[in-house]
Amino acid sequence: MTPLPKRKLSKGRRDRRRAHQGLSALNLTVCSNCGEMRLPHHICPNCGFYHGSEVVTIQKEKRSS
């Protein structure tokens, strides 16, 4: 048989052990070119600009109707 705990863990002790599992909110900044929210130190996924210069050319999707 495997060993079992002698006493029930209290909710406080159980929850303190799981305290590091909580999610934190993303730190977003405003793109200086298009105004969309983006991650800091990353290329803007909406317009492809970084520090005022275009790094990646983003092609807009064409919808056929």
N, C-alpha and C. Protein backbone atom coordinates (compact mmCIF):
# COMPACT_ATOMS: atom_id res chain seq x y z
N MET A 1 0.84 -1.20 0.00
CA MET A 1 0.00 0.00 0.00
C MET A 1 0.88 1.25 0.00
N THR A 2 0.36 2.27 -0.63
CA THR A 2 1.10 3.53 -0.65
C THR A 2 0.82 4.33 0.61
N PRO A 3 1.74 5.18 1.01
CA PRO A 3 1.51 5.98 2.22
C PRO A 3 0.42 7.02 2.00
N LEU A 4 -0.35 7.28 3.01
CA LEU A 4 -1.45 8.24 2.96
C LEU A 4 -1.22 9.31 4.03
N PRO A 5 -1.75 10.51 3.83
CA PRO A 5 -1.59 11.54 4.85
C PRO A 5 -2.43 11.22 6.08
N LYS A 6 -1.88 11.56 7.27
CA LYS A 6 -2.62 11.27 8.50
C LYS A 6 -3.75 12.25 8.74
N ARG A 7 -3.55 13.51 8.33
CA ARG A 7 -4.55 14.55 8.57
C ARG A 7 -4.90 15.25 7.26
N LYS A 8 -6.11 15.80 7.22
CA LYS A 8 -6.55 16.55 6.05
C LYS A 8 -5.81 17.89 6.01
N LEU A 9 -5.35 18.27 4.79
CA LEU A 9 -4.72 19.58 4.62
C LEU A 9 -5.79 20.66 4.68
N SER A 10 -5.52 21.72 5.41
CA SER A 10 -6.47 22.82 5.48
C SER A 10 -6.50 23.56 4.14
N LYS A 11 -7.58 24.29 3.90
CA LYS A 11 -7.72 25.04 2.65
C LYS A 11 -6.63 26.10 2.53
N GLY A 12 -6.27 26.71 3.64
CA GLY A 12 -5.24 27.74 3.62
C GLY A 12 -3.89 27.18 3.22
N ARG A 13 -3.51 26.05 3.77
CA ARG A 13 -2.22 25.44 3.43
C ARG A 13 -2.22 24.97 1.98
N ARG A 14 -3.33 24.38 1.53
CA ARG A 14 -3.44 23.94 0.14
C ARG A 14 -3.33 25.12 -0.82
N ASP A 15 -4.03 26.23 -0.50
CA ASP A 15 -4.04 27.38 -1.39
C ASP A 15 -2.72 28.12 -1.40
N ARG A 16 -1.98 28.13 -0.28
CA ARG A 16 -0.66 28.75 -0.27
C ARG A 16 0.30 28.00 -1.17
N ARG A 17 0.16 26.71 -1.22
CA ARG A 17 1.03 25.91 -2.09
C ARG A 17 0.75 26.22 -3.56
N ARG A 18 -0.49 26.55 -3.89
CA ARG A 18 -0.88 26.82 -5.27
C ARG A 18 -0.84 28.30 -5.61
N ALA A 19 -0.25 29.13 -4.78
CA ALA A 19 -0.28 30.58 -4.98
C ALA A 19 0.48 31.00 -6.23
N HIS A 20 1.50 30.29 -6.63
CA HIS A 20 2.31 30.68 -7.78
C HIS A 20 1.65 30.32 -9.11
N GLN A 21 0.52 29.61 -9.08
CA GLN A 21 -0.10 29.15 -10.31
C GLN A 21 -1.04 30.19 -10.93
N GLY A 22 -1.21 31.33 -10.27
CA GLY A 22 -2.10 32.35 -10.80
C GLY A 22 -1.52 33.01 -12.03
N LEU A 23 -2.39 33.45 -12.94
CA LEU A 23 -1.95 34.11 -14.16
C LEU A 23 -1.79 35.61 -13.92
N SER A 24 -0.82 36.19 -14.60
CA SER A 24 -0.63 37.63 -14.49
C SER A 24 -1.08 38.29 -15.80
N ALA A 25 -1.49 39.54 -15.73
CA ALA A 25 -1.98 40.26 -16.90
C ALA A 25 -0.80 40.62 -17.80
N LEU A 26 -1.05 40.69 -19.12
CA LEU A 26 -0.03 41.07 -20.07
C LEU A 26 0.27 42.56 -19.95
N ASN A 27 1.55 42.91 -20.12
CA ASN A 27 1.96 44.30 -20.11
C ASN A 27 1.96 44.79 -21.56
N LEU A 28 0.92 45.51 -21.94
CA LEU A 28 0.76 45.96 -23.32
C LEU A 28 1.07 47.45 -23.41
N THR A 29 1.63 47.86 -24.57
CA THR A 29 1.89 49.27 -24.84
C THR A 29 1.19 49.64 -26.15
N VAL A 30 1.07 50.94 -26.40
CA VAL A 30 0.41 51.44 -27.60
C VAL A 30 1.45 51.60 -28.69
N CYS A 31 1.14 51.11 -29.87
CA CYS A 31 2.02 51.28 -31.04
C CYS A 31 2.04 52.75 -31.43
N SER A 32 3.25 53.31 -31.64
CA SER A 32 3.35 54.73 -31.97
C SER A 32 2.91 55.02 -33.41
N ASN A 33 2.85 54.00 -34.26
CA ASN A 33 2.47 54.21 -35.66
C ASN A 33 0.97 54.08 -35.87
N CYS A 34 0.38 52.96 -35.42
CA CYS A 34 -1.04 52.72 -35.72
C CYS A 34 -1.96 52.85 -34.51
N GLY A 35 -1.41 52.86 -33.30
CA GLY A 35 -2.23 53.03 -32.10
C GLY A 35 -2.78 51.74 -31.53
N GLU A 36 -2.48 50.59 -32.13
CA GLU A 36 -2.95 49.30 -31.61
C GLU A 36 -2.10 48.88 -30.41
N MET A 37 -2.65 48.00 -29.59
CA MET A 37 -1.92 47.49 -28.43
C MET A 37 -0.96 46.39 -28.89
N ARG A 38 0.27 46.41 -28.34
CA ARG A 38 1.28 45.41 -28.70
C ARG A 38 2.14 45.12 -27.48
N LEU A 39 2.90 44.03 -27.53
CA LEU A 39 3.83 43.71 -26.47
C LEU A 39 5.04 44.64 -26.55
N PRO A 40 5.60 45.06 -25.40
CA PRO A 40 6.77 45.93 -25.46
C PRO A 40 7.98 45.19 -26.04
N HIS A 41 8.83 45.90 -26.76
CA HIS A 41 10.04 45.38 -27.40
C HIS A 41 9.72 44.32 -28.46
N HIS A 42 8.56 44.41 -29.08
CA HIS A 42 8.16 43.51 -30.15
C HIS A 42 7.67 44.33 -31.34
N ILE A 43 7.75 43.74 -32.51
CA ILE A 43 7.22 44.36 -33.72
C ILE A 43 5.69 44.36 -33.61
N CYS A 44 5.07 45.44 -34.05
CA CYS A 44 3.61 45.54 -34.00
C CYS A 44 3.02 44.52 -34.98
N PRO A 45 2.14 43.62 -34.52
CA PRO A 45 1.56 42.63 -35.42
C PRO A 45 0.56 43.23 -36.39
N ASN A 46 0.09 44.44 -36.12
CA ASN A 46 -0.91 45.06 -36.97
C ASN A 46 -0.28 45.79 -38.16
N CYS A 47 0.80 46.57 -37.91
CA CYS A 47 1.39 47.37 -38.99
C CYS A 47 2.82 46.98 -39.34
N GLY A 48 3.53 46.23 -38.50
CA GLY A 48 4.88 45.78 -38.80
C GLY A 48 5.96 46.79 -38.48
N PHE A 49 5.64 47.84 -37.71
CA PHE A 49 6.63 48.87 -37.38
C PHE A 49 7.28 48.57 -36.03
N TYR A 50 8.53 49.03 -35.88
CA TYR A 50 9.25 48.93 -34.61
C TYR A 50 10.16 50.14 -34.51
N HIS A 51 10.01 50.94 -33.48
CA HIS A 51 10.79 52.17 -33.24
C HIS A 51 10.73 53.13 -34.43
N GLY A 52 9.54 53.27 -35.01
CA GLY A 52 9.33 54.24 -36.06
C GLY A 52 9.74 53.82 -37.46
N SER A 53 10.27 52.61 -37.63
CA SER A 53 10.64 52.17 -38.97
C SER A 53 9.94 50.86 -39.29
N GLU A 54 9.61 50.67 -40.55
CA GLU A 54 8.91 49.45 -40.96
C GLU A 54 9.90 48.29 -41.03
N VAL A 55 9.66 47.26 -40.27
CA VAL A 55 10.55 46.10 -40.22
C VAL A 55 9.99 44.96 -41.05
N VAL A 56 8.68 44.75 -40.98
CA VAL A 56 8.01 43.67 -41.69
C VAL A 56 6.86 44.27 -42.48
N THR A 57 6.73 43.87 -43.74
CA THR A 57 5.59 44.34 -44.52
C THR A 57 4.43 43.38 -44.29
N ILE A 58 3.32 43.94 -43.84
CA ILE A 58 2.12 43.16 -43.54
C ILE A 58 1.17 43.29 -44.72
N GLN A 59 0.73 42.16 -45.26
CA GLN A 59 -0.23 42.18 -46.37
C GLN A 59 -1.63 42.04 -45.79
N LYS A 60 -2.51 42.93 -46.21
CA LYS A 60 -3.90 42.88 -45.77
C LYS A 60 -4.62 41.77 -46.52
N GLU A 61 -5.53 41.08 -45.83
CA GLU A 61 -6.31 40.03 -46.47
C GLU A 61 -7.35 40.64 -47.40
N LYS A 62 -7.48 40.07 -48.59
CA LYS A 62 -8.48 40.53 -49.54
C LYS A 62 -9.69 39.60 -49.45
N ARG A 63 -10.84 40.22 -49.17
CA ARG A 63 -12.07 39.43 -49.09
C ARG A 63 -12.80 39.52 -50.43
N SER A 64 -13.12 38.36 -50.97
CA SER A 64 -13.89 38.34 -52.23
C SER A 64 -15.36 38.17 -51.90
N SER A 65 -16.19 39.00 -52.52
CA SER A 65 -17.62 38.90 -52.26
C SER A 65 -18.42 38.80 -53.52
